């Protein structure tokens, strides 16, 4: 499910950004401005407002002081704007009203004044692009430079927090790709990282500073909507891993619903039927649906399971976000001052949850390493480093397992070899176990060189070894046995306390003969090895 959903929202993101670039170069706001002077700035918002139908009028008499090199800056969001001084239009914002992209975007309108404007009436005629739109009543009056400082300084904290959130997402993405690398833990970290990066980009756009730098940019408008739409999916994919019911189809349902909403909104935008702003309520409905699902899953977690771990931390962090966002709205409502409490809440969430997930992934990685170590110890012969009898049985079972793609119970052509060290008992009894261990390790190193490259080699007893390789031709078996004899002879020529010699038996799996599978093949190889060992003893005794 995760791969399908991820593929969908990545495709949507690419299409959306491509359309945003197209829109940015295809649709331009017509800005008719008499003069732009960018020198100094202070602010003043003493404007009178009246409304006639869908049109809002803001007016006031300009100061009698010298208005030369003074400006009025007015921020609009999805508004058409005309400005009149003494009845003459000096500024207009708005493209073709019937174009495919209706919005004018977010625009910082700069109206420059001259010394002749002092004492004259200025009127701002504002028409919302969308029916539910309502213009802002805040105006900045004075010199450009101080207004710019006021605007940027008041929003800089929000932008910095957004940048830190996005940077944290990038760091976690690199951690997931380069450190955790694979498995469910990596997927959780990567999904959270993608959510953090999208949240950072969306929050940065909401700071309004990009709008000041790139006024009326369609790319900013579309990217803001795309981030809000698509970041819900990686957030849900990340979140569901915290719950015992993480595999519930309800999570998948939410993701697919959001993918459908994203596709619908983009199609309506591209076809020029509805702007993304007009269909924003669909994403709001998705958010409410997701909140209900998360609350329900959290309640189920508390009732059915112990309320601990990441679920508890996540619940606390989400509460912090809600409280901080509500406080920001209340303060803005009563004091008209924007304090970035919501951004601080999101920053708190990303940092706390990011640290919690990284810590959890490190714990799981450590557990995995310990598990791998224990498994290696359980399946490895300590003396030789070869796999042991337990590993041999498990590997044979895997080679006899039915093919996963076809379900066919066909054993692949296999050669099983059995080996026994001659005179190991004599070596131990006469010269001690240190020499016996040395004998075993010499033989093990030799077997590794010949059989490990194409198959696998095991020590299954004190002086017993076995190996298996895929079967191709009898000549290949003969070559391996001849090479083994050559290496054993070289060891013997170097001199050891006892003659270095290995008895070998082998058998090729035969369907219809080996009813017990490769275990039967192993028994036939063991019989041949025993016969060769007896021949060695007879030759040695001279009988």
Protein backbone atom coordinates (compact mmCIF):
# COMPACT_ATOMS: atom_id res chain seq x y z
CA UNK A 1 0.00 0.00 0.00
CA UNK A 2 2.76 2.47 0.97
CA UNK A 3 4.56 2.11 -2.38
CA UNK A 4 1.37 2.68 -4.39
CA UNK A 5 0.32 5.73 -2.37
CA UNK A 6 3.85 7.15 -2.39
CA UNK A 7 4.01 6.75 -6.15
CA UNK A 8 0.68 8.54 -6.55
CA UNK A 9 1.53 11.56 -4.44
CA UNK A 10 5.02 11.91 -5.96
CA UNK A 11 3.44 11.87 -9.44
CA UNK A 12 0.85 14.43 -8.34
CA UNK A 13 3.59 16.62 -6.87
CA UNK A 14 5.57 16.54 -10.12
CA UNK A 15 2.48 17.33 -12.22
CA UNK A 16 1.44 20.12 -9.85
CA UNK A 17 4.85 21.79 -9.80
CA UNK A 18 5.13 21.50 -13.59
CA UNK A 19 1.74 23.19 -13.95
CA UNK A 20 2.78 25.87 -11.44
CA UNK A 21 5.83 26.71 -13.57
CA UNK A 22 3.63 26.76 -16.68
CA UNK A 23 1.11 29.02 -14.95
CA UNK A 24 3.85 31.34 -13.71
CA UNK A 25 5.06 31.98 -17.28
CA UNK A 26 1.63 31.91 -18.94
CA UNK A 27 -0.49 34.09 -16.64
CA UNK A 28 0.76 37.49 -15.60
CA UNK A 29 -0.94 40.03 -13.38
CA UNK A 30 -1.41 43.32 -15.16
CA UNK A 31 0.07 45.89 -12.82
CA UNK A 32 -0.46 49.50 -13.87
CA UNK A 33 1.62 51.64 -11.53
CA UNK A 34 2.40 55.31 -11.98
CA UNK A 35 5.74 55.30 -10.25
CA UNK A 36 7.73 52.99 -8.03
CA UNK A 37 10.08 54.60 -5.54
CA UNK A 38 11.94 52.34 -3.13
CA UNK A 39 13.72 54.52 -0.64
CA UNK A 40 12.35 54.75 2.91
CA UNK A 41 9.26 53.63 4.89
CA UNK A 42 7.08 54.04 7.98
CA UNK A 43 3.49 52.82 8.32
CA UNK A 44 -0.01 54.14 8.90
CA UNK A 45 -3.30 52.20 8.65
CA UNK A 46 -5.84 54.95 9.26
CA UNK A 47 -8.24 54.15 6.42
CA UNK A 48 -12.04 54.42 6.23
CA UNK A 49 -13.88 51.39 4.78
CA UNK A 50 -17.21 51.02 3.01
CA UNK A 51 -18.67 48.13 1.01
CA UNK A 52 -20.87 48.20 -2.09
CA UNK A 53 -21.91 44.71 -3.13
CA UNK A 54 -18.76 42.64 -3.62
CA UNK A 55 -16.51 45.70 -3.82
CA UNK A 56 -14.68 47.17 -0.83
CA UNK A 57 -13.51 50.79 -0.70
CA UNK A 58 -10.76 52.06 1.61
CA UNK A 59 -10.16 55.80 1.61
CA UNK A 60 -8.54 58.68 3.45
CA UNK A 61 -7.08 62.11 2.82
CA UNK A 62 -3.33 62.04 2.38
CA UNK A 63 -1.27 64.10 4.86
CA UNK A 64 -0.56 67.76 4.08
CA UNK A 65 3.13 67.11 4.61
CA UNK A 66 5.47 66.60 1.73
CA UNK A 67 4.47 63.19 0.32
CA UNK A 68 7.32 63.04 -2.14
CA UNK A 69 9.25 59.73 -1.90
CA UNK A 70 6.50 58.30 0.31
CA UNK A 71 4.66 55.05 -0.45
CA UNK A 72 1.60 53.16 0.70
CA UNK A 73 2.04 49.40 0.83
CA UNK A 74 -1.07 47.26 0.87
CA UNK A 75 -1.07 43.44 0.92
CA UNK A 76 -3.75 41.62 -1.04
CA UNK A 77 -4.51 37.91 -1.21
CA UNK A 78 -6.57 36.83 -4.23
CA UNK A 79 -7.85 40.39 -4.83
CA UNK A 80 -8.26 42.72 -7.78
CA UNK A 81 -7.16 46.22 -6.87
CA UNK A 82 -7.51 49.72 -8.30
CA UNK A 83 -6.14 52.82 -6.60
CA UNK A 84 -7.38 56.37 -7.29
CA UNK A 85 -5.89 59.68 -6.17
CA UNK A 86 -8.16 62.67 -6.59
CA UNK A 87 -10.32 60.58 -8.95
CA UNK A 88 -7.44 59.53 -11.22
CA UNK A 89 -6.45 55.86 -11.38
CA UNK A 90 -2.78 55.53 -10.50
CA UNK A 91 -2.51 51.79 -9.89
CA UNK A 92 -4.29 48.61 -10.97
CA UNK A 93 -3.71 44.95 -10.10
CA UNK A 94 -5.49 42.21 -11.99
CA UNK A 95 -5.17 40.21 -15.16
CA UNK A 96 -7.86 39.08 -17.53
CA UNK A 97 -10.89 38.23 -15.43
CA UNK A 98 -11.80 35.22 -17.63
CA UNK A 99 -8.36 33.61 -17.69
CA UNK A 100 -7.83 29.97 -16.63
CA UNK A 101 -6.06 30.99 -13.42
CA UNK A 102 -8.37 33.43 -11.66
CA UNK A 103 -6.26 34.40 -8.68
CA UNK A 104 -3.86 37.32 -8.56
CA UNK A 105 -1.95 35.50 -5.83
CA UNK A 106 -0.53 37.20 -2.76
CA UNK A 107 0.67 40.67 -3.67
CA UNK A 108 2.41 43.46 -1.81
CA UNK A 109 1.12 46.50 -3.68
CA UNK A 110 3.43 49.52 -3.51
CA UNK A 111 1.78 52.85 -4.34
CA UNK A 112 4.32 55.65 -4.71
CA UNK A 113 3.29 59.24 -4.00
CA UNK A 114 4.53 62.60 -5.25
CA UNK A 115 4.60 66.02 -3.64
CA UNK A 116 1.46 66.96 -5.60
CA UNK A 117 -0.55 64.24 -3.81
CA UNK A 118 -0.44 65.93 -0.39
CA UNK A 119 -3.93 66.64 0.98
CA UNK A 120 -5.70 64.70 -1.78
CA UNK A 121 -8.08 61.78 -1.23
CA UNK A 122 -6.78 58.28 -2.02
CA UNK A 123 -9.23 55.43 -2.61
CA UNK A 124 -8.41 51.70 -2.73
CA UNK A 125 -11.06 49.75 -4.66
CA UNK A 126 -10.70 46.08 -3.72
CA UNK A 127 -12.65 43.26 -5.39
CA UNK A 128 -12.19 39.70 -4.06
CA UNK A 129 -11.42 37.14 -6.74
CA UNK A 130 -13.50 34.57 -4.84
CA UNK A 131 -16.93 35.05 -3.31
CA UNK A 132 -15.85 34.10 0.20
CA UNK A 133 -12.85 36.42 0.09
CA UNK A 134 -12.53 39.45 2.34
CA UNK A 135 -9.73 42.01 2.03
CA UNK A 136 -7.36 42.95 4.79
CA UNK A 137 -7.68 46.40 6.32
CA UNK A 138 -4.00 46.95 7.08
CA UNK A 139 -2.00 49.56 5.17
CA UNK A 140 1.58 50.73 5.53
CA UNK A 141 2.40 54.38 4.83
CA UNK A 142 5.72 56.11 4.73
CA UNK A 143 9.09 55.41 3.13
CA UNK A 144 9.73 52.08 1.47
CA UNK A 145 12.83 51.05 3.41
CA UNK A 146 11.25 51.24 6.87
CA UNK A 147 8.08 49.49 5.68
CA UNK A 148 10.21 46.73 4.23
CA UNK A 149 12.06 46.41 7.53
CA UNK A 150 8.76 46.30 9.45
CA UNK A 151 7.30 43.61 7.19
CA UNK A 152 10.37 41.39 7.08
CA UNK A 153 11.30 41.76 10.76
CA UNK A 154 7.79 40.86 11.89
CA UNK A 155 7.79 37.65 9.87
CA UNK A 156 11.41 36.60 10.08
CA UNK A 157 10.96 34.33 13.12
CA UNK A 158 8.25 32.34 11.29
CA UNK A 159 10.48 32.01 8.22
CA UNK A 160 13.49 30.87 10.29
CA UNK A 161 11.38 28.27 12.11
CA UNK A 162 10.08 27.04 8.74
CA UNK A 163 13.63 26.76 7.44
CA UNK A 164 14.72 24.77 10.50
CA UNK A 165 11.73 22.42 10.07
CA UNK A 166 12.61 21.82 6.40
CA UNK A 167 16.31 21.37 7.27
CA UNK A 168 15.38 18.86 10.00
CA UNK A 169 13.42 16.95 7.35
CA UNK A 170 16.43 16.88 5.03
CA UNK A 171 18.71 15.63 7.83
CA UNK A 172 16.24 12.87 8.76
CA UNK A 173 15.85 11.90 5.10
CA UNK A 174 19.63 11.47 4.77
CA UNK A 175 19.66 9.53 8.06
CA UNK A 176 16.94 7.20 6.77
CA UNK A 177 18.61 6.68 3.38
CA UNK A 178 22.24 6.43 4.48
CA UNK A 179 22.11 5.04 8.04
CA UNK A 180 18.92 3.03 8.47
CA UNK A 181 18.91 2.25 4.71
CA UNK A 182 16.15 -0.38 4.48
CA UNK A 183 13.29 -2.04 6.29
CA UNK A 184 10.22 -0.65 8.03
CA UNK A 185 12.30 1.60 10.29
CA UNK A 186 13.79 3.35 7.26
CA UNK A 187 10.32 3.80 5.73
CA UNK A 188 9.02 5.41 8.94
CA UNK A 189 11.96 7.83 9.13
CA UNK A 190 11.73 8.71 5.42
CA UNK A 191 7.97 9.32 5.52
CA UNK A 192 8.37 11.58 8.56
CA UNK A 193 11.25 13.39 6.84
CA UNK A 194 9.15 14.02 3.72
CA UNK A 195 6.31 15.35 5.90
CA UNK A 196 8.73 17.68 7.73
CA UNK A 197 10.19 19.06 4.48
CA UNK A 198 6.72 19.68 3.02
CA UNK A 199 5.57 21.29 6.27
CA UNK A 200 8.63 23.53 6.25
CA UNK A 201 8.01 24.67 2.66
CA UNK A 202 4.30 25.28 3.34
CA UNK A 203 5.04 27.18 6.55
CA UNK A 204 7.69 29.31 4.79
CA UNK A 205 5.16 30.32 2.14
CA UNK A 206 2.66 31.18 4.88
CA UNK A 207 5.18 33.61 6.39
CA UNK A 208 4.42 36.00 3.45
CA UNK A 209 8.12 36.84 3.02
CA UNK A 210 8.35 34.90 -0.30
CA UNK A 211 5.37 37.00 -1.49
CA UNK A 212 7.31 40.17 -0.68
CA UNK A 213 10.32 38.93 -2.66
CA UNK A 214 8.25 37.47 -5.54
CA UNK A 215 4.94 39.40 -5.53
CA UNK A 216 2.06 37.67 -7.29
CA UNK A 217 4.08 34.53 -8.05
CA UNK A 218 1.84 31.70 -9.25
CA UNK A 219 4.54 29.19 -8.28
CA UNK A 220 4.24 30.22 -4.63
CA UNK A 221 0.45 29.94 -4.78
CA UNK A 222 0.47 26.47 -6.32
CA UNK A 223 3.35 25.11 -4.23
CA UNK A 224 1.58 26.25 -1.05
CA UNK A 225 -1.56 24.34 -2.04
CA UNK A 226 0.43 21.29 -3.20
CA UNK A 227 2.35 21.09 0.06
CA UNK A 228 -0.84 21.29 2.12
CA UNK A 229 -2.56 18.64 0.00
CA UNK A 230 0.25 16.12 -0.28
CA UNK A 231 1.94 16.35 3.13
CA UNK A 232 -1.11 14.67 4.71
CA UNK A 233 -0.21 11.36 3.02
CA UNK A 234 3.38 10.91 4.31
CA UNK A 235 2.13 12.06 7.72
CA UNK A 236 -0.52 9.30 7.80
CA UNK A 237 1.92 6.68 6.47
CA UNK A 238 4.33 7.67 9.24
CA UNK A 239 1.67 7.88 11.94
CA UNK A 240 0.06 4.49 11.35
CA UNK A 241 3.23 2.63 12.36
CA UNK A 242 2.74 3.82 15.95
CA UNK A 243 -0.52 1.95 16.41
CA UNK A 244 -1.21 -1.74 16.93
CA UNK A 245 -3.87 -1.39 14.22
CA UNK A 246 -1.35 0.10 11.81
CA UNK A 247 -2.38 -2.33 9.08
CA UNK A 248 -6.06 -1.37 9.34
CA UNK A 249 -7.69 -0.64 5.98
CA UNK A 250 -8.92 2.64 7.47
CA UNK A 251 -5.45 4.16 7.04
CA UNK A 252 -5.36 3.04 3.40
CA UNK A 253 -8.86 4.43 2.87
CA UNK A 254 -7.78 7.85 4.14
CA UNK A 255 -4.71 7.89 1.90
CA UNK A 256 -6.65 6.93 -1.22
CA UNK A 257 -9.39 9.45 -0.42
CA UNK A 258 -6.77 12.21 -0.20
CA UNK A 259 -5.15 11.05 -3.45
CA UNK A 260 -8.58 11.31 -5.09
CA UNK A 261 -9.09 14.80 -3.68
CA UNK A 262 -5.65 15.91 -4.89
CA UNK A 263 -6.34 14.57 -8.38
CA UNK A 264 -9.78 16.21 -8.48
CA UNK A 265 -8.46 19.61 -7.37
CA UNK A 266 -5.63 19.55 -9.91
CA UNK A 267 -7.92 18.52 -12.78
CA UNK A 268 -10.41 21.27 -11.95
CA UNK A 269 -7.55 23.80 -11.79
CA UNK A 270 -5.92 22.71 -15.04
CA UNK A 271 -9.27 22.71 -16.87
CA UNK A 272 -9.98 26.23 -15.58
CA UNK A 273 -13.23 25.22 -13.86
CA UNK A 274 -12.24 25.98 -10.27
CA UNK A 275 -9.03 27.41 -8.82
CA UNK A 276 -7.21 25.50 -6.07
CA UNK A 277 -8.38 28.21 -3.67
CA UNK A 278 -12.03 27.45 -4.51
CA UNK A 279 -11.62 23.71 -3.84
CA UNK A 280 -9.59 24.16 -0.65
CA UNK A 281 -12.60 23.02 1.38
CA UNK A 282 -12.09 19.47 0.02
CA UNK A 283 -8.66 19.30 1.66
CA UNK A 284 -10.15 20.75 4.86
CA UNK A 285 -12.72 17.92 4.82
CA UNK A 286 -9.86 15.41 4.41
CA UNK A 287 -8.05 16.96 7.38
CA UNK A 288 -11.17 16.65 9.54
CA UNK A 289 -11.58 13.03 8.41
CA UNK A 290 -7.95 12.28 9.26
CA UNK A 291 -8.27 13.94 12.67
CA UNK A 292 -11.33 11.78 13.40
CA UNK A 293 -9.47 8.62 12.36
CA UNK A 294 -6.41 9.52 14.45
CA UNK A 295 -8.56 10.32 17.49
CA UNK A 296 -10.44 7.04 17.04
CA UNK A 297 -7.24 5.03 16.68
CA UNK A 298 -5.77 6.75 19.74
CA UNK A 299 -8.85 5.94 21.82
CA UNK A 300 -8.72 2.33 20.61
CA UNK A 301 -5.02 2.21 21.53
CA UNK A 302 -5.77 3.47 25.04
CA UNK A 303 -8.65 1.02 25.56
CA UNK A 304 -7.16 -2.09 23.97
CA UNK A 305 -3.44 -1.56 24.60
CA UNK A 306 -1.17 0.25 27.01
CA UNK A 307 -0.97 3.98 26.18
CA UNK A 308 2.80 4.30 26.01
CA UNK A 309 5.64 5.07 23.67
CA UNK A 310 5.36 7.10 20.51
CA UNK A 311 1.55 7.29 20.64
CA UNK A 312 1.71 9.16 23.96
CA UNK A 313 4.48 11.48 22.74
CA UNK A 314 2.62 12.14 19.48
CA UNK A 315 -0.61 12.93 21.35
CA UNK A 316 1.19 15.43 23.59
CA UNK A 317 2.87 17.09 20.61
CA UNK A 318 -0.39 17.35 18.64
CA UNK A 319 -2.01 18.95 21.69
CA UNK A 320 0.81 21.51 21.81
CA UNK A 321 0.21 22.33 18.12
CA UNK A 322 -3.52 22.80 18.64
CA UNK A 323 -3.10 24.97 21.73
CA UNK A 324 -0.37 27.14 20.17
CA UNK A 325 -2.34 27.62 16.94
CA UNK A 326 -5.53 28.58 18.80
CA UNK A 327 -3.56 31.03 20.99
CA UNK A 328 -2.04 32.63 17.88
CA UNK A 329 -5.49 33.13 16.36
CA UNK A 330 -6.92 34.54 19.62
CA UNK A 331 -4.03 36.99 20.03
CA UNK A 332 -4.37 38.11 16.43
CA UNK A 333 -8.13 38.54 16.89
CA UNK A 334 -7.82 40.82 19.92
CA UNK A 335 -4.46 42.54 19.43
CA UNK A 336 -4.05 42.37 15.63
CA UNK A 337 -0.49 41.11 16.22
CA UNK A 338 0.79 37.93 14.63
CA UNK A 339 2.98 35.96 17.04
CA UNK A 340 4.22 32.75 15.37
CA UNK A 341 2.97 30.42 18.13
CA UNK A 342 1.60 27.96 15.57
CA UNK A 343 5.00 27.72 13.86
CA UNK A 344 6.63 27.21 17.25
CA UNK A 345 4.15 24.39 17.94
CA UNK A 346 4.98 22.69 14.63
CA UNK A 347 8.70 23.19 15.30
CA UNK A 348 8.24 21.54 18.71
CA UNK A 349 6.42 18.62 17.06
CA UNK A 350 9.07 18.03 14.39
CA UNK A 351 11.97 18.21 16.86
CA UNK A 352 10.40 16.01 19.55
CA UNK A 353 8.97 13.40 17.17
CA UNK A 354 12.12 13.46 15.05
CA UNK A 355 14.34 12.78 18.06
CA UNK A 356 11.92 10.11 19.34
CA UNK A 357 11.90 8.30 15.99
CA UNK A 358 15.65 8.49 15.50
CA UNK A 359 16.17 7.15 19.04
CA UNK A 360 13.67 4.35 18.40
CA UNK A 361 15.31 3.43 15.10
CA UNK A 362 18.74 3.30 16.77
CA UNK A 363 17.37 1.01 19.48
CA UNK A 364 15.82 -1.26 16.85
CA UNK A 365 19.05 -1.24 14.82
CA UNK A 366 20.99 -2.23 17.93
CA UNK A 367 18.51 -5.01 18.64
CA UNK A 368 18.82 -6.17 15.04
CA UNK A 369 22.63 -6.23 15.33
CA UNK A 370 22.42 -8.23 18.55
CA UNK A 371 19.91 -10.59 16.95
CA UNK A 372 22.20 -11.03 13.95
CA UNK A 373 25.13 -11.72 16.27
CA UNK A 374 23.17 -14.32 18.25
CA UNK A 375 22.02 -15.94 15.02
CA UNK A 376 25.58 -16.05 13.74
CA UNK A 377 26.76 -17.67 16.96
CA UNK A 378 23.90 -20.17 16.81
CA UNK A 379 24.64 -21.13 13.19
CA UNK A 380 28.45 -20.91 13.14
CA UNK A 381 31.10 -23.38 14.24
CA UNK A 382 33.36 -21.48 16.63
CA UNK A 383 36.58 -23.30 15.77
CA UNK A 384 36.50 -23.15 11.96
CA UNK A 385 34.11 -20.30 11.22
CA UNK A 386 32.12 -22.62 8.97
CA UNK A 387 28.36 -23.02 9.32
CA UNK A 388 27.32 -25.79 11.73
CA UNK A 389 24.89 -28.72 11.59
CA UNK A 390 21.90 -26.50 12.47
CA UNK A 391 22.68 -24.17 9.58
CA UNK A 392 23.14 -27.15 7.27
CA UNK A 393 19.68 -28.51 8.03
CA UNK A 394 18.06 -25.09 7.61
CA UNK A 395 19.78 -24.49 4.27
CA UNK A 396 18.74 -27.91 2.98
CA UNK A 397 15.14 -27.17 3.96
CA UNK A 398 15.28 -23.88 2.05
CA UNK A 399 16.69 -25.61 -1.04
CA UNK A 400 13.87 -28.15 -0.88
CA UNK A 401 11.15 -25.51 -0.32
CA UNK A 402 8.55 -25.05 -3.10
CA UNK A 403 9.20 -22.27 -5.61
CA UNK A 404 7.42 -19.12 -4.37
CA UNK A 405 6.42 -17.92 -7.84
CA UNK A 406 5.04 -21.24 -9.15
CA UNK A 407 4.41 -23.25 -5.97
CA UNK A 408 6.18 -26.18 -7.62
CA UNK A 409 7.79 -28.64 -5.17
CA UNK A 410 10.81 -29.40 -7.30
CA UNK A 411 14.26 -29.79 -5.72
CA UNK A 412 16.98 -28.11 -7.70
CA UNK A 413 19.83 -30.29 -9.03
CA UNK A 414 22.23 -30.57 -6.12
CA UNK A 415 25.44 -32.39 -5.23
CA UNK A 416 25.96 -33.27 -1.56
CA UNK A 417 29.52 -34.01 -0.39
CA UNK A 418 30.53 -35.70 2.87
CA UNK A 419 34.06 -35.48 4.33
CA UNK A 420 35.84 -37.19 7.21
CA UNK A 421 39.34 -36.42 8.49
CA UNK A 422 41.51 -39.53 8.67
CA UNK A 423 43.60 -40.14 11.79
CA UNK A 424 42.11 -37.24 13.77
CA UNK A 425 41.56 -39.53 16.81
CA UNK A 426 45.19 -40.64 16.64
CA UNK A 427 46.31 -37.00 16.48
CA UNK A 428 44.25 -36.07 19.56
CA UNK A 429 45.29 -39.12 21.56
CA UNK A 430 48.99 -38.94 20.70
CA UNK A 431 49.74 -35.22 20.37
CA UNK A 432 46.85 -33.50 22.16
CA UNK A 433 43.75 -31.58 21.14
CA UNK A 434 45.68 -28.45 20.17
CA UNK A 435 47.16 -30.35 17.25
CA UNK A 436 43.78 -31.90 16.57
CA UNK A 437 42.19 -28.41 16.36
CA UNK A 438 44.98 -27.33 14.04
CA UNK A 439 44.25 -30.33 11.80
CA UNK A 440 40.55 -29.45 11.72
CA UNK A 441 41.21 -25.79 10.83
CA UNK A 442 43.64 -26.74 8.03
CA UNK A 443 41.01 -29.00 6.51
CA UNK A 444 38.26 -26.38 6.94
CA UNK A 445 40.33 -23.69 5.17
CA UNK A 446 40.92 -26.06 2.28
CA UNK A 447 37.24 -26.94 1.93
CA UNK A 448 36.31 -23.23 1.98
CA UNK A 449 38.57 -22.51 -0.99
CA UNK A 450 36.93 -25.18 -3.11
CA UNK A 451 33.24 -25.28 -2.17
CA UNK A 452 32.14 -21.95 -0.66
CA UNK A 453 32.30 -19.95 -3.92
CA UNK A 454 29.55 -21.94 -5.68
CA UNK A 455 27.80 -23.59 -2.72
CA UNK A 456 28.26 -23.83 1.02
CA UNK A 457 30.43 -25.79 3.43
CA UNK A 458 29.66 -26.97 7.00
CA UNK A 459 31.27 -28.67 9.96
CA UNK A 460 28.64 -31.07 11.29
CA UNK A 461 30.71 -33.05 13.80
CA UNK A 462 34.17 -33.47 15.36
CA UNK A 463 35.91 -34.67 12.21
CA UNK A 464 32.95 -34.56 9.82
CA UNK A 465 32.31 -31.92 7.20
CA UNK A 466 29.78 -31.63 4.43
CA UNK A 467 29.11 -29.32 1.49
CA UNK A 468 26.62 -28.86 -1.31
CA UNK A 469 26.85 -27.21 -4.71
CA UNK A 470 24.46 -26.88 -7.64
CA UNK A 471 24.83 -29.83 -10.02
CA UNK A 472 25.79 -29.18 -13.63
CA UNK A 473 28.10 -31.90 -15.00
CA UNK A 474 29.95 -34.91 -13.62
CA UNK A 475 33.19 -33.40 -14.91
CA UNK A 476 32.76 -30.48 -12.55
CA UNK A 477 32.43 -32.87 -9.58
CA UNK A 478 35.58 -34.66 -10.69
CA UNK A 479 37.45 -31.34 -10.97
CA UNK A 480 36.49 -30.37 -7.43
CA UNK A 481 37.53 -33.73 -5.99
CA UNK A 482 40.81 -33.60 -7.89
CA UNK A 483 41.46 -30.05 -6.66
CA UNK A 484 40.68 -31.14 -3.09
CA UNK A 485 43.11 -34.04 -3.36
CA UNK A 486 45.77 -31.69 -4.71
CA UNK A 487 45.38 -29.22 -1.80
CA UNK A 488 45.37 -32.03 0.79
CA UNK A 489 48.53 -33.48 -0.74
CA UNK A 490 50.22 -30.08 -0.54
CA UNK A 491 49.35 -29.85 3.17
CA UNK A 492 50.66 -33.34 3.77
CA UNK A 493 53.91 -32.56 1.94
CA UNK A 494 54.53 -29.65 4.30
CA UNK A 495 54.66 -32.14 7.13
CA UNK A 496 52.35 -32.56 10.11
CA UNK A 497 52.34 -34.76 13.19
CA UNK A 498 50.05 -37.21 11.36
CA UNK A 499 49.45 -37.75 7.64
CA UNK A 500 46.90 -35.22 6.32
CA UNK A 501 44.14 -37.14 4.57
CA UNK A 502 40.40 -36.72 3.93
CA UNK A 503 37.87 -39.39 2.95
CA UNK A 504 35.24 -38.07 0.55
CA UNK A 505 31.83 -39.27 -0.59
CA UNK A 506 29.27 -37.54 -2.78
CA UNK A 507 25.87 -38.10 -4.31
CA UNK A 508 23.71 -36.22 -6.82
CA UNK A 509 20.05 -35.75 -5.98
CA UNK A 510 17.88 -38.06 -8.06
CA UNK A 511 14.15 -37.62 -8.23
CA UNK A 512 12.40 -40.94 -7.56
CA UNK A 513 15.45 -42.34 -5.80
CA UNK A 514 15.87 -39.89 -2.96
CA UNK A 515 12.37 -40.08 -1.45
CA UNK A 516 13.56 -38.16 1.59
CA UNK A 517 14.82 -35.30 -0.55
CA UNK A 518 18.34 -34.02 -0.02
CA UNK A 519 18.52 -35.89 3.30
CA UNK A 520 18.44 -39.13 1.32
CA UNK A 521 21.10 -37.72 -0.98
CA UNK A 522 23.18 -36.94 2.08
CA UNK A 523 22.85 -40.52 3.33
CA UNK A 524 24.03 -41.91 -0.01
CA UNK A 525 27.01 -39.55 0.06
CA UNK A 526 27.73 -40.63 3.65
CA UNK A 527 27.73 -44.31 2.59
CA UNK A 528 30.29 -43.57 -0.14
CA UNK A 529 32.42 -41.59 2.31
CA UNK A 530 32.35 -44.47 4.82
CA UNK A 531 33.45 -46.91 2.11
CA UNK A 532 36.34 -44.63 1.12
CA UNK A 533 37.39 -44.36 4.77
CA UNK A 534 37.44 -48.13 5.11
CA UNK A 535 39.57 -48.37 1.97
CA UNK A 536 42.00 -45.87 3.50
CA UNK A 537 42.28 -47.95 6.67
CA UNK A 538 42.86 -51.14 4.66
CA UNK A 539 45.59 -49.52 2.60
CA UNK A 540 47.23 -48.18 5.72
CA UNK A 541 47.18 -51.54 7.47
CA UNK A 542 48.40 -53.26 4.32
CA UNK A 543 45.48 -55.68 4.17
